[in-house]
Amino acid sequence: MTSTSKYLSAEERRAMAVKAVLELAAVQNPGEITTTEIAAQMGLSQGGIFRHFSSKDEIWRTVMEWVATELHSRVARAAESANSPISSLEAMFMAHVAFAIEYPGVPRMLFGELQKTESTPAKIAVASLLERYGKLLTLKLEQGKSCGEVDCSISTEAAVALFVGTVQGLIIKAVLFGDVEYLRQGAPEAFALFRRAIRKSI
């Protein structure tokens, strides 16, 4: 343990835990990460980490809440930086891909949480992210319909599912093959196909 670690604020401890878990998840199966490994990555003893977190579940909840907040914040900023609904959707798509590239352990963690049958605080955080993400996508798609960029005959719900599925499909393949470059190279073409599917015919 470092001499100053016991003086860290709750927010600083949270940030340390998030950083430690994300670093570990980038190089190993998240489901196999132990509290001993997390503590070592944080510069604490195993006993020390439990002075800051009551359980491993609390650590996982902390990480998933950070992921949910950070990812949604990035895609929301990206959406607002564009000057049209279609451009907003593209910016969101690329921001999501960039996040997955920056934090390669996150997709593995998200998939792991969603596969659990029980309701955990971490799984609830992931579900909340998907709900907020879906609402933002719905807003941009409806705006696109209003201004004539998006085909009014398509189902907005189906278009949201297609968007999320397209992003996740790219990420899953990149995770399977351990190829981050696949994400960088495949993202523009994948979004182009999505845009073609929802665009209003001229």
N, C-alpha and C. Protein backbone atom coordinates (compact mmCIF):
# COMPACT_ATOMS: atom_id res chain seq x y z
N MET A 1 0.84 -1.20 0.00
CA MET A 1 0.00 0.00 0.00
C MET A 1 0.87 1.24 0.00
N THR A 2 0.52 2.26 -0.73
CA THR A 2 1.27 3.50 -0.72
C THR A 2 0.98 4.25 0.56
N SER A 3 1.89 5.13 0.94
CA SER A 3 1.73 5.84 2.20
C SER A 3 0.57 6.81 2.18
N THR A 4 0.15 7.21 0.98
CA THR A 4 -0.92 8.21 0.89
C THR A 4 -2.28 7.61 0.58
N SER A 5 -2.33 6.29 0.25
CA SER A 5 -3.58 5.71 -0.23
C SER A 5 -4.70 5.80 0.79
N LYS A 6 -4.37 5.73 2.09
CA LYS A 6 -5.43 5.78 3.09
C LYS A 6 -6.04 7.16 3.22
N TYR A 7 -5.40 8.17 2.62
CA TYR A 7 -5.92 9.53 2.68
C TYR A 7 -6.73 9.91 1.44
N LEU A 8 -6.88 9.00 0.51
CA LEU A 8 -7.62 9.30 -0.71
C LEU A 8 -9.09 9.49 -0.42
N SER A 9 -9.72 10.38 -1.21
CA SER A 9 -11.16 10.59 -1.08
C SER A 9 -11.92 9.42 -1.68
N ALA A 10 -13.21 9.36 -1.40
CA ALA A 10 -14.04 8.29 -1.97
C ALA A 10 -14.01 8.34 -3.49
N GLU A 11 -14.01 9.54 -4.07
CA GLU A 11 -14.00 9.68 -5.52
C GLU A 11 -12.67 9.20 -6.10
N GLU A 12 -11.60 9.48 -5.40
CA GLU A 12 -10.28 9.02 -5.87
C GLU A 12 -10.17 7.50 -5.77
N ARG A 13 -10.71 6.92 -4.72
CA ARG A 13 -10.70 5.46 -4.59
C ARG A 13 -11.54 4.82 -5.70
N ARG A 14 -12.67 5.46 -6.01
CA ARG A 14 -13.52 4.96 -7.09
C ARG A 14 -12.76 4.98 -8.41
N ALA A 15 -12.08 6.08 -8.68
CA ALA A 15 -11.32 6.21 -9.92
C ALA A 15 -10.20 5.18 -9.99
N MET A 16 -9.53 4.94 -8.88
CA MET A 16 -8.47 3.92 -8.84
C MET A 16 -9.02 2.54 -9.14
N ALA A 17 -10.16 2.21 -8.55
CA ALA A 17 -10.76 0.89 -8.76
C ALA A 17 -11.17 0.72 -10.21
N VAL A 18 -11.80 1.73 -10.77
CA VAL A 18 -12.21 1.67 -12.18
C VAL A 18 -11.00 1.45 -13.07
N LYS A 19 -9.97 2.26 -12.88
CA LYS A 19 -8.76 2.15 -13.70
C LYS A 19 -8.15 0.76 -13.57
N ALA A 20 -8.07 0.24 -12.36
CA ALA A 20 -7.46 -1.07 -12.12
C ALA A 20 -8.22 -2.18 -12.83
N VAL A 21 -9.55 -2.17 -12.69
CA VAL A 21 -10.35 -3.23 -13.30
C VAL A 21 -10.29 -3.14 -14.82
N LEU A 22 -10.36 -1.94 -15.37
CA LEU A 22 -10.31 -1.79 -16.83
C LEU A 22 -8.96 -2.24 -17.39
N GLU A 23 -7.89 -1.96 -16.67
CA GLU A 23 -6.56 -2.41 -17.11
C GLU A 23 -6.47 -3.94 -17.08
N LEU A 24 -7.01 -4.54 -16.03
CA LEU A 24 -6.97 -6.00 -15.92
C LEU A 24 -7.87 -6.65 -16.97
N ALA A 25 -9.05 -6.08 -17.18
CA ALA A 25 -10.01 -6.65 -18.13
C ALA A 25 -9.50 -6.58 -19.56
N ALA A 26 -8.58 -5.67 -19.82
CA ALA A 26 -8.02 -5.53 -21.17
C ALA A 26 -7.08 -6.68 -21.53
N VAL A 27 -6.58 -7.40 -20.51
CA VAL A 27 -5.58 -8.44 -20.78
C VAL A 27 -5.98 -9.82 -20.28
N GLN A 28 -7.16 -9.94 -19.63
CA GLN A 28 -7.59 -11.25 -19.15
C GLN A 28 -9.11 -11.32 -19.09
N ASN A 29 -9.62 -12.51 -18.89
CA ASN A 29 -11.05 -12.71 -18.78
C ASN A 29 -11.59 -11.96 -17.57
N PRO A 30 -12.49 -11.00 -17.75
CA PRO A 30 -13.01 -10.23 -16.61
C PRO A 30 -13.62 -11.10 -15.51
N GLY A 31 -14.24 -12.22 -15.91
CA GLY A 31 -14.86 -13.09 -14.93
C GLY A 31 -13.87 -13.77 -14.01
N GLU A 32 -12.59 -13.77 -14.39
CA GLU A 32 -11.57 -14.42 -13.58
C GLU A 32 -10.74 -13.43 -12.76
N ILE A 33 -11.06 -12.15 -12.86
CA ILE A 33 -10.33 -11.14 -12.09
C ILE A 33 -10.68 -11.28 -10.61
N THR A 34 -9.67 -11.35 -9.78
CA THR A 34 -9.87 -11.51 -8.34
C THR A 34 -9.69 -10.19 -7.61
N THR A 35 -10.21 -10.13 -6.40
CA THR A 35 -10.02 -8.92 -5.59
C THR A 35 -8.55 -8.73 -5.24
N THR A 36 -7.82 -9.84 -5.13
CA THR A 36 -6.38 -9.74 -4.86
C THR A 36 -5.68 -9.02 -6.00
N GLU A 37 -6.06 -9.35 -7.24
CA GLU A 37 -5.46 -8.71 -8.41
C GLU A 37 -5.86 -7.25 -8.50
N ILE A 38 -7.12 -6.97 -8.21
CA ILE A 38 -7.58 -5.57 -8.24
C ILE A 38 -6.83 -4.75 -7.20
N ALA A 39 -6.70 -5.32 -6.00
CA ALA A 39 -6.00 -4.62 -4.92
C ALA A 39 -4.55 -4.34 -5.31
N ALA A 40 -3.89 -5.35 -5.88
CA ALA A 40 -2.49 -5.17 -6.29
C ALA A 40 -2.37 -4.09 -7.35
N GLN A 41 -3.32 -4.06 -8.29
CA GLN A 41 -3.30 -3.07 -9.35
C GLN A 41 -3.51 -1.66 -8.79
N MET A 42 -4.24 -1.58 -7.67
CA MET A 42 -4.49 -0.30 -7.01
C MET A 42 -3.39 0.09 -6.04
N GLY A 43 -2.44 -0.85 -5.80
CA GLY A 43 -1.39 -0.58 -4.83
C GLY A 43 -1.84 -0.79 -3.40
N LEU A 44 -2.85 -1.66 -3.21
CA LEU A 44 -3.37 -1.96 -1.88
C LEU A 44 -3.19 -3.43 -1.57
N SER A 45 -3.31 -3.76 -0.29
CA SER A 45 -3.39 -5.17 0.08
C SER A 45 -4.83 -5.61 -0.13
N GLN A 46 -5.08 -6.93 -0.12
CA GLN A 46 -6.45 -7.39 -0.29
C GLN A 46 -7.33 -6.88 0.85
N GLY A 47 -6.77 -6.85 2.05
CA GLY A 47 -7.52 -6.30 3.18
C GLY A 47 -7.79 -4.83 2.99
N GLY A 48 -6.83 -4.14 2.36
CA GLY A 48 -6.99 -2.71 2.15
C GLY A 48 -8.14 -2.37 1.23
N ILE A 49 -8.34 -3.18 0.20
CA ILE A 49 -9.41 -2.87 -0.75
C ILE A 49 -10.77 -3.01 -0.08
N PHE A 50 -10.89 -3.92 0.89
CA PHE A 50 -12.18 -4.11 1.55
C PHE A 50 -12.44 -3.07 2.62
N ARG A 51 -11.49 -2.19 2.84
CA ARG A 51 -11.78 -1.01 3.67
C ARG A 51 -12.45 0.07 2.84
N HIS A 52 -12.34 -0.08 1.51
CA HIS A 52 -12.94 0.89 0.60
C HIS A 52 -14.21 0.37 -0.07
N PHE A 53 -14.29 -0.95 -0.26
CA PHE A 53 -15.45 -1.57 -0.92
C PHE A 53 -15.90 -2.76 -0.08
N SER A 54 -17.19 -2.91 0.06
CA SER A 54 -17.71 -3.97 0.92
C SER A 54 -17.62 -5.34 0.28
N SER A 55 -17.54 -5.39 -1.05
CA SER A 55 -17.52 -6.68 -1.74
C SER A 55 -17.02 -6.49 -3.17
N LYS A 56 -16.75 -7.62 -3.84
CA LYS A 56 -16.37 -7.55 -5.25
C LYS A 56 -17.52 -7.03 -6.08
N ASP A 57 -18.76 -7.37 -5.71
CA ASP A 57 -19.93 -6.86 -6.43
C ASP A 57 -19.98 -5.34 -6.41
N GLU A 58 -19.58 -4.75 -5.28
CA GLU A 58 -19.59 -3.28 -5.20
C GLU A 58 -18.54 -2.69 -6.12
N ILE A 59 -17.39 -3.36 -6.23
CA ILE A 59 -16.36 -2.89 -7.15
C ILE A 59 -16.89 -2.94 -8.58
N TRP A 60 -17.53 -4.08 -8.92
CA TRP A 60 -18.07 -4.24 -10.28
C TRP A 60 -19.15 -3.21 -10.56
N ARG A 61 -20.00 -2.93 -9.58
CA ARG A 61 -21.03 -1.91 -9.76
C ARG A 61 -20.39 -0.56 -10.02
N THR A 62 -19.36 -0.24 -9.26
CA THR A 62 -18.65 1.03 -9.44
C THR A 62 -18.10 1.16 -10.85
N VAL A 63 -17.49 0.07 -11.34
CA VAL A 63 -16.91 0.09 -12.69
C VAL A 63 -18.00 0.23 -13.74
N MET A 64 -19.08 -0.55 -13.61
CA MET A 64 -20.14 -0.52 -14.61
C MET A 64 -20.86 0.83 -14.61
N GLU A 65 -21.02 1.44 -13.45
CA GLU A 65 -21.64 2.76 -13.41
C GLU A 65 -20.75 3.79 -14.09
N TRP A 66 -19.43 3.67 -13.91
CA TRP A 66 -18.52 4.58 -14.60
C TRP A 66 -18.62 4.37 -16.11
N VAL A 67 -18.59 3.12 -16.54
CA VAL A 67 -18.68 2.82 -17.96
C VAL A 67 -19.96 3.39 -18.55
N ALA A 68 -21.09 3.16 -17.86
CA ALA A 68 -22.38 3.64 -18.35
C ALA A 68 -22.39 5.16 -18.48
N THR A 69 -21.88 5.83 -17.46
CA THR A 69 -21.86 7.30 -17.47
C THR A 69 -20.93 7.84 -18.54
N GLU A 70 -19.73 7.26 -18.63
CA GLU A 70 -18.73 7.76 -19.57
C GLU A 70 -19.13 7.50 -21.02
N LEU A 71 -19.59 6.29 -21.31
CA LEU A 71 -19.98 5.98 -22.68
C LEU A 71 -21.15 6.83 -23.12
N HIS A 72 -22.17 6.95 -22.27
CA HIS A 72 -23.33 7.76 -22.65
C HIS A 72 -22.94 9.22 -22.83
N SER A 73 -22.06 9.72 -21.96
CA SER A 73 -21.60 11.10 -22.08
C SER A 73 -20.89 11.33 -23.41
N ARG A 74 -20.08 10.37 -23.81
CA ARG A 74 -19.33 10.53 -25.07
C ARG A 74 -20.25 10.48 -26.28
N VAL A 75 -21.18 9.54 -26.30
CA VAL A 75 -22.05 9.47 -27.48
C VAL A 75 -23.00 10.66 -27.51
N ALA A 76 -23.41 11.15 -26.34
CA ALA A 76 -24.30 12.32 -26.29
C ALA A 76 -23.57 13.56 -26.80
N ARG A 77 -22.32 13.74 -26.37
CA ARG A 77 -21.53 14.88 -26.87
C ARG A 77 -21.32 14.78 -28.36
N ALA A 78 -21.05 13.58 -28.82
CA ALA A 78 -20.85 13.36 -30.26
C ALA A 78 -22.11 13.71 -31.03
N ALA A 79 -23.25 13.30 -30.51
CA ALA A 79 -24.52 13.57 -31.18
C ALA A 79 -24.78 15.06 -31.30
N GLU A 80 -24.47 15.80 -30.25
CA GLU A 80 -24.74 17.23 -30.25
C GLU A 80 -23.72 18.02 -31.08
N SER A 81 -22.59 17.39 -31.39
CA SER A 81 -21.55 18.10 -32.15
C SER A 81 -21.85 18.12 -33.65
N ALA A 82 -22.79 17.28 -34.08
CA ALA A 82 -23.10 17.17 -35.52
C ALA A 82 -24.21 18.12 -35.91
N ASN A 83 -24.33 18.38 -37.20
CA ASN A 83 -25.29 19.39 -37.66
C ASN A 83 -26.53 18.82 -38.35
N SER A 84 -26.71 17.51 -38.29
CA SER A 84 -27.92 16.90 -38.84
C SER A 84 -28.15 15.57 -38.13
N PRO A 85 -29.38 15.07 -38.14
CA PRO A 85 -29.66 13.79 -37.46
C PRO A 85 -28.79 12.63 -37.95
N ILE A 86 -28.64 12.49 -39.27
CA ILE A 86 -27.81 11.40 -39.80
C ILE A 86 -26.36 11.58 -39.36
N SER A 87 -25.87 12.80 -39.40
CA SER A 87 -24.50 13.07 -38.95
C SER A 87 -24.35 12.77 -37.47
N SER A 88 -25.40 13.07 -36.69
CA SER A 88 -25.38 12.77 -35.26
C SER A 88 -25.28 11.27 -35.02
N LEU A 89 -26.06 10.50 -35.78
CA LEU A 89 -26.01 9.05 -35.64
C LEU A 89 -24.63 8.51 -35.99
N GLU A 90 -24.02 9.07 -37.04
CA GLU A 90 -22.69 8.63 -37.42
C GLU A 90 -21.67 8.98 -36.34
N ALA A 91 -21.79 10.18 -35.78
CA ALA A 91 -20.87 10.60 -34.72
C ALA A 91 -21.02 9.71 -33.49
N MET A 92 -22.25 9.34 -33.15
CA MET A 92 -22.50 8.43 -32.03
C MET A 92 -21.86 7.07 -32.28
N PHE A 93 -22.05 6.57 -33.49
CA PHE A 93 -21.50 5.27 -33.87
C PHE A 93 -19.98 5.27 -33.71
N MET A 94 -19.34 6.30 -34.24
CA MET A 94 -17.88 6.36 -34.19
C MET A 94 -17.37 6.60 -32.76
N ALA A 95 -18.12 7.35 -31.96
CA ALA A 95 -17.73 7.57 -30.57
C ALA A 95 -17.80 6.26 -29.78
N HIS A 96 -18.82 5.46 -30.06
CA HIS A 96 -18.96 4.17 -29.38
C HIS A 96 -17.80 3.26 -29.76
N VAL A 97 -17.48 3.20 -31.03
CA VAL A 97 -16.37 2.37 -31.49
C VAL A 97 -15.05 2.85 -30.86
N ALA A 98 -14.85 4.16 -30.82
CA ALA A 98 -13.63 4.71 -30.24
C ALA A 98 -13.50 4.34 -28.76
N PHE A 99 -14.63 4.33 -28.06
CA PHE A 99 -14.63 3.95 -26.65
C PHE A 99 -14.20 2.49 -26.49
N ALA A 100 -14.72 1.62 -27.35
CA ALA A 100 -14.37 0.20 -27.30
C ALA A 100 -12.89 -0.02 -27.62
N ILE A 101 -12.35 0.80 -28.50
CA ILE A 101 -10.92 0.71 -28.83
C ILE A 101 -10.07 1.17 -27.65
N GLU A 102 -10.50 2.25 -27.00
CA GLU A 102 -9.74 2.80 -25.88
C GLU A 102 -9.79 1.88 -24.66
N TYR A 103 -10.93 1.23 -24.45
CA TYR A 103 -11.10 0.35 -23.30
C TYR A 103 -11.50 -1.05 -23.78
N PRO A 104 -10.56 -1.84 -24.28
CA PRO A 104 -10.89 -3.14 -24.87
C PRO A 104 -11.49 -4.15 -23.89
N GLY A 105 -11.30 -3.93 -22.60
CA GLY A 105 -11.88 -4.86 -21.63
C GLY A 105 -13.36 -4.62 -21.38
N VAL A 106 -13.85 -3.44 -21.73
CA VAL A 106 -15.25 -3.09 -21.45
C VAL A 106 -16.24 -4.00 -22.18
N PRO A 107 -16.08 -4.25 -23.48
CA PRO A 107 -17.04 -5.14 -24.15
C PRO A 107 -17.14 -6.51 -23.48
N ARG A 108 -16.02 -7.07 -23.06
CA ARG A 108 -16.05 -8.37 -22.39
C ARG A 108 -16.84 -8.29 -21.10
N MET A 109 -16.66 -7.19 -20.37
CA MET A 109 -17.38 -7.01 -19.10
C MET A 109 -18.87 -6.85 -19.34
N LEU A 110 -19.23 -6.05 -20.35
CA LEU A 110 -20.64 -5.83 -20.65
C LEU A 110 -21.33 -7.12 -21.06
N PHE A 111 -20.69 -7.88 -21.94
CA PHE A 111 -21.28 -9.15 -22.37
C PHE A 111 -21.44 -10.10 -21.20
N GLY A 112 -20.44 -10.10 -20.31
CA GLY A 112 -20.50 -10.97 -19.15
C GLY A 112 -21.66 -10.63 -18.24
N GLU A 113 -21.88 -9.33 -18.02
CA GLU A 113 -22.98 -8.91 -17.14
C GLU A 113 -24.33 -9.24 -17.75
N LEU A 114 -24.49 -9.03 -19.04
CA LEU A 114 -25.77 -9.26 -19.69
C LEU A 114 -26.14 -10.74 -19.76
N GLN A 115 -25.14 -11.60 -19.66
CA GLN A 115 -25.41 -13.04 -19.70
C GLN A 115 -25.89 -13.58 -18.36
N LYS A 116 -25.71 -12.82 -17.30
CA LYS A 116 -26.12 -13.30 -15.98
C LYS A 116 -27.64 -13.36 -15.88
N THR A 117 -28.14 -14.43 -15.27
CA THR A 117 -29.59 -14.57 -15.13
C THR A 117 -30.12 -13.74 -13.96
N GLU A 118 -29.27 -13.56 -12.94
CA GLU A 118 -29.72 -12.80 -11.77
C GLU A 118 -29.54 -11.31 -12.00
N SER A 119 -30.30 -10.53 -11.26
CA SER A 119 -30.20 -9.07 -11.34
C SER A 119 -29.15 -8.60 -10.34
N THR A 120 -28.08 -8.02 -10.86
CA THR A 120 -27.01 -7.50 -10.01
C THR A 120 -26.93 -5.98 -10.21
N PRO A 121 -26.34 -5.26 -9.25
CA PRO A 121 -26.18 -3.81 -9.43
C PRO A 121 -25.43 -3.46 -10.72
N ALA A 122 -24.43 -4.28 -11.07
CA ALA A 122 -23.68 -4.01 -12.30
C ALA A 122 -24.56 -4.22 -13.52
N LYS A 123 -25.36 -5.29 -13.51
CA LYS A 123 -26.26 -5.56 -14.64
C LYS A 123 -27.31 -4.47 -14.76
N ILE A 124 -27.79 -3.96 -13.64
CA ILE A 124 -28.76 -2.87 -13.66
C ILE A 124 -28.15 -1.62 -14.29
N ALA A 125 -26.88 -1.36 -14.00
CA ALA A 125 -26.18 -0.21 -14.59
C ALA A 125 -26.09 -0.36 -16.10
N VAL A 126 -25.81 -1.58 -16.57
CA VAL A 126 -25.72 -1.83 -18.01
C VAL A 126 -27.09 -1.64 -18.66
N ALA A 127 -28.13 -2.16 -18.01
CA ALA A 127 -29.49 -2.02 -18.55
C ALA A 127 -29.90 -0.56 -18.63
N SER A 128 -29.51 0.22 -17.63
CA SER A 128 -29.81 1.66 -17.62
C SER A 128 -29.10 2.36 -18.78
N LEU A 129 -27.86 1.96 -19.04
CA LEU A 129 -27.13 2.53 -20.16
C LEU A 129 -27.84 2.26 -21.47
N LEU A 130 -28.26 1.01 -21.69
CA LEU A 130 -28.93 0.65 -22.93
C LEU A 130 -30.23 1.41 -23.10
N GLU A 131 -30.93 1.64 -21.99
CA GLU A 131 -32.19 2.38 -22.06
C GLU A 131 -31.96 3.83 -22.47
N ARG A 132 -30.98 4.48 -21.82
CA ARG A 132 -30.68 5.88 -22.14
C ARG A 132 -30.13 6.02 -23.56
N TYR A 133 -29.31 5.08 -23.93
CA TYR A 133 -28.73 5.07 -25.28
C TYR A 133 -29.85 4.94 -26.30
N GLY A 134 -30.77 4.02 -26.04
CA GLY A 134 -31.90 3.82 -26.96
C GLY A 134 -32.76 5.06 -27.10
N LYS A 135 -32.97 5.77 -26.00
CA LYS A 135 -33.77 7.00 -26.05
C LYS A 135 -33.09 8.07 -26.91
N LEU A 136 -31.77 8.17 -26.79
CA LEU A 136 -31.04 9.16 -27.58
C LEU A 136 -31.09 8.79 -29.07
N LEU A 137 -30.94 7.51 -29.37
CA LEU A 137 -31.05 7.06 -30.76
C LEU A 137 -32.44 7.32 -31.31
N THR A 138 -33.45 7.04 -30.50
CA THR A 138 -34.83 7.28 -30.91
C THR A 138 -35.05 8.75 -31.25
N LEU A 139 -34.53 9.63 -30.40
CA LEU A 139 -34.67 11.07 -30.62
C LEU A 139 -34.05 11.47 -31.96
N LYS A 140 -32.85 11.00 -32.24
CA LYS A 140 -32.17 11.37 -33.47
C LYS A 140 -32.85 10.78 -34.71
N LEU A 141 -33.36 9.57 -34.58
CA LEU A 141 -34.08 8.97 -35.70
C LEU A 141 -35.39 9.71 -35.98
N GLU A 142 -36.10 10.09 -34.94
CA GLU A 142 -37.34 10.84 -35.13
C GLU A 142 -37.07 12.22 -35.71
N GLN A 143 -35.98 12.84 -35.28
CA GLN A 143 -35.60 14.12 -35.88
C GLN A 143 -35.28 13.93 -37.36
N GLY A 144 -34.63 12.81 -37.66
CA GLY A 144 -34.31 12.51 -39.06
C GLY A 144 -35.54 12.32 -39.91
N LYS A 145 -36.56 11.70 -39.33
CA LYS A 145 -37.82 11.54 -40.06
C LYS A 145 -38.48 12.90 -40.28
N SER A 146 -38.43 13.75 -39.27
CA SER A 146 -39.08 15.06 -39.36
C SER A 146 -38.46 15.95 -40.44
N CYS A 147 -37.13 15.84 -40.60
CA CYS A 147 -36.47 16.70 -41.58
C CYS A 147 -36.27 16.02 -42.93
N GLY A 148 -36.74 14.79 -43.06
CA GLY A 148 -36.68 14.12 -44.35
C GLY A 148 -35.42 13.34 -44.62
N GLU A 149 -34.54 13.18 -43.61
CA GLU A 149 -33.31 12.39 -43.81
C GLU A 149 -33.55 10.90 -43.64
N VAL A 150 -34.51 10.55 -42.78
CA VAL A 150 -34.77 9.14 -42.47
C VAL A 150 -36.13 8.75 -43.02
N ASP A 151 -36.21 7.59 -43.57
CA ASP A 151 -37.45 7.06 -44.15
C ASP A 151 -38.52 6.93 -43.07
N CYS A 152 -39.62 7.65 -43.24
CA CYS A 152 -40.70 7.64 -42.25
C CYS A 152 -41.41 6.29 -42.15
N SER A 153 -41.24 5.44 -43.15
CA SER A 153 -41.93 4.17 -43.14
C SER A 153 -41.23 3.10 -42.30
N ILE A 154 -39.98 3.35 -41.93
CA ILE A 154 -39.27 2.34 -41.16
C ILE A 154 -39.64 2.42 -39.68
N SER A 155 -39.53 1.32 -38.99
CA SER A 155 -39.79 1.28 -37.55
C SER A 155 -38.60 1.88 -36.81
N THR A 156 -38.87 2.90 -35.99
CA THR A 156 -37.80 3.50 -35.20
C THR A 156 -37.20 2.48 -34.24
N GLU A 157 -38.05 1.66 -33.64
CA GLU A 157 -37.57 0.63 -32.72
C GLU A 157 -36.63 -0.35 -33.41
N ALA A 158 -36.99 -0.73 -34.63
CA ALA A 158 -36.14 -1.65 -35.39
C ALA A 158 -34.83 -0.98 -35.78
N ALA A 159 -34.89 0.31 -36.10
CA ALA A 159 -33.68 1.03 -36.49
C ALA A 159 -32.72 1.16 -35.30
N VAL A 160 -33.29 1.38 -34.10
CA VAL A 160 -32.46 1.44 -32.88
C VAL A 160 -31.76 0.10 -32.67
N ALA A 161 -32.51 -0.99 -32.80
CA ALA A 161 -31.94 -2.33 -32.63
C ALA A 161 -30.85 -2.60 -33.67
N LEU A 162 -31.09 -2.14 -34.90
CA LEU A 162 -30.11 -2.34 -35.97
C LEU A 162 -28.83 -1.56 -35.67
N PHE A 163 -28.96 -0.33 -35.20
CA PHE A 163 -27.79 0.49 -34.85
C PHE A 163 -26.96 -0.20 -33.78
N VAL A 164 -27.62 -0.55 -32.68
CA VAL A 164 -26.91 -1.18 -31.56
C VAL A 164 -26.31 -2.51 -32.00
N GLY A 165 -27.08 -3.28 -32.76
CA GLY A 165 -26.59 -4.57 -33.22
C GLY A 165 -25.39 -4.45 -34.15
N THR A 166 -25.39 -3.41 -34.97
CA THR A 166 -24.27 -3.20 -35.89
C THR A 166 -23.00 -2.87 -35.12
N VAL A 167 -23.12 -1.97 -34.14
CA VAL A 167 -21.96 -1.64 -33.30
C VAL A 167 -21.46 -2.88 -32.56
N GLN A 168 -22.40 -3.57 -31.91
CA GLN A 168 -22.00 -4.73 -31.11
C GLN A 168 -21.44 -5.85 -31.98
N GLY A 169 -21.97 -5.99 -33.19
CA GLY A 169 -21.43 -7.02 -34.09
C GLY A 169 -19.98 -6.77 -34.42
N LEU A 170 -19.64 -5.51 -34.70
CA LEU A 170 -18.24 -5.15 -34.96
C LEU A 170 -17.37 -5.46 -33.75
N ILE A 171 -17.87 -5.06 -32.57
CA ILE A 171 -17.09 -5.22 -31.35
C ILE A 171 -16.89 -6.70 -31.02
N ILE A 172 -17.94 -7.49 -31.16
CA ILE A 172 -17.84 -8.92 -30.87
C ILE A 172 -16.79 -9.58 -31.75
N LYS A 173 -16.82 -9.25 -33.04
CA LYS A 173 -15.85 -9.85 -33.95
C LYS A 173 -14.43 -9.42 -33.59
N ALA A 174 -14.26 -8.15 -33.23
CA ALA A 174 -12.94 -7.66 -32.85
C ALA A 174 -12.44 -8.36 -31.58
N VAL A 175 -13.36 -8.59 -30.62
CA VAL A 175 -13.00 -9.29 -29.39
C VAL A 175 -12.62 -10.74 -29.70
N LEU A 176 -13.41 -11.40 -30.54
CA LEU A 176 -13.15 -12.81 -30.87
C LEU A 176 -11.78 -13.00 -31.50
N PHE A 177 -11.41 -12.07 -32.37
CA PHE A 177 -10.14 -12.21 -33.10
C PHE A 177 -9.01 -11.38 -32.48
N GLY A 178 -9.33 -10.66 -31.39
CA GLY A 178 -8.31 -9.84 -30.75
C GLY A 178 -7.72 -8.82 -31.69
N ASP A 179 -8.57 -8.23 -32.52
CA ASP A 179 -8.10 -7.34 -33.59
C ASP A 179 -8.78 -5.97 -33.48
N VAL A 180 -8.15 -5.06 -32.78
CA VAL A 180 -8.70 -3.72 -32.62
C VAL A 180 -8.75 -2.99 -33.95
N GLU A 181 -7.80 -3.28 -34.84
CA GLU A 181 -7.77 -2.62 -36.14
C GLU A 181 -9.03 -2.93 -36.95
N TYR A 182 -9.63 -4.10 -36.68
CA TYR A 182 -10.87 -4.45 -37.37
C TYR A 182 -11.95 -3.41 -37.07
N LEU A 183 -11.97 -2.94 -35.84
CA LEU A 183 -12.95 -1.92 -35.46
C LEU A 183 -12.70 -0.62 -36.22
N ARG A 184 -11.46 -0.19 -36.24
CA ARG A 184 -11.13 1.07 -36.92
C ARG A 184 -11.46 1.00 -38.41
N GLN A 185 -11.11 -0.11 -39.00
CA GLN A 185 -11.29 -0.23 -40.45
C GLN A 185 -12.74 -0.56 -40.83
N GLY A 186 -13.42 -1.30 -39.99
CA GLY A 186 -14.77 -1.74 -40.34
C GLY A 186 -15.88 -0.76 -40.01
N ALA A 187 -15.62 0.15 -39.08
CA ALA A 187 -16.67 1.05 -38.62
C ALA A 187 -17.27 1.92 -39.73
N PRO A 188 -16.47 2.58 -40.56
CA PRO A 188 -17.07 3.44 -41.60
C PRO A 188 -17.98 2.68 -42.56
N GLU A 189 -17.55 1.51 -43.00
CA GLU A 189 -18.36 0.73 -43.92
C GLU A 189 -19.63 0.21 -43.25
N ALA A 190 -19.50 -0.20 -41.99
CA ALA A 190 -20.66 -0.70 -41.25
C ALA A 190 -21.71 0.40 -41.08
N PHE A 191 -21.25 1.61 -40.76
CA PHE A 191 -22.23 2.69 -40.62
C PHE A 191 -22.84 3.05 -41.96
N ALA A 192 -22.06 2.97 -43.02
CA ALA A 192 -22.59 3.28 -44.35
C ALA A 192 -23.75 2.35 -44.70
N LEU A 193 -23.64 1.08 -44.32
CA LEU A 193 -24.72 0.13 -44.56
C LEU A 193 -25.95 0.48 -43.73
N PHE A 194 -25.72 0.88 -42.46
CA PHE A 194 -26.84 1.28 -41.61
C PHE A 194 -27.53 2.51 -42.20
N ARG A 195 -26.74 3.47 -42.63
CA ARG A 195 -27.30 4.71 -43.21
C ARG A 195 -28.13 4.40 -44.44
N ARG A 196 -27.65 3.48 -45.27
CA ARG A 196 -28.39 3.10 -46.47
C ARG A 196 -29.72 2.46 -46.10
N ALA A 197 -29.73 1.72 -45.00
CA ALA A 197 -30.96 1.02 -44.59
C ALA A 197 -32.05 1.97 -44.10
N ILE A 198 -31.65 3.10 -43.51
CA ILE A 198 -32.65 3.99 -42.91
C ILE A 198 -32.91 5.25 -43.74
N ARG A 199 -32.08 5.51 -44.71
CA ARG A 199 -32.18 6.78 -45.44
C ARG A 199 -33.42 6.83 -46.32
N LYS A 200 -34.00 7.98 -46.38
CA LYS A 200 -35.16 8.19 -47.25
C LYS A 200 -34.72 8.14 -48.71
N SER A 201 -35.45 7.39 -49.50
CA SER A 201 -35.13 7.30 -50.93
C SER A 201 -35.43 8.63 -51.61
N ILE A 202 -34.57 9.00 -52.52
CA ILE A 202 -34.78 10.28 -53.24
C ILE A 202 -35.38 10.00 -54.61
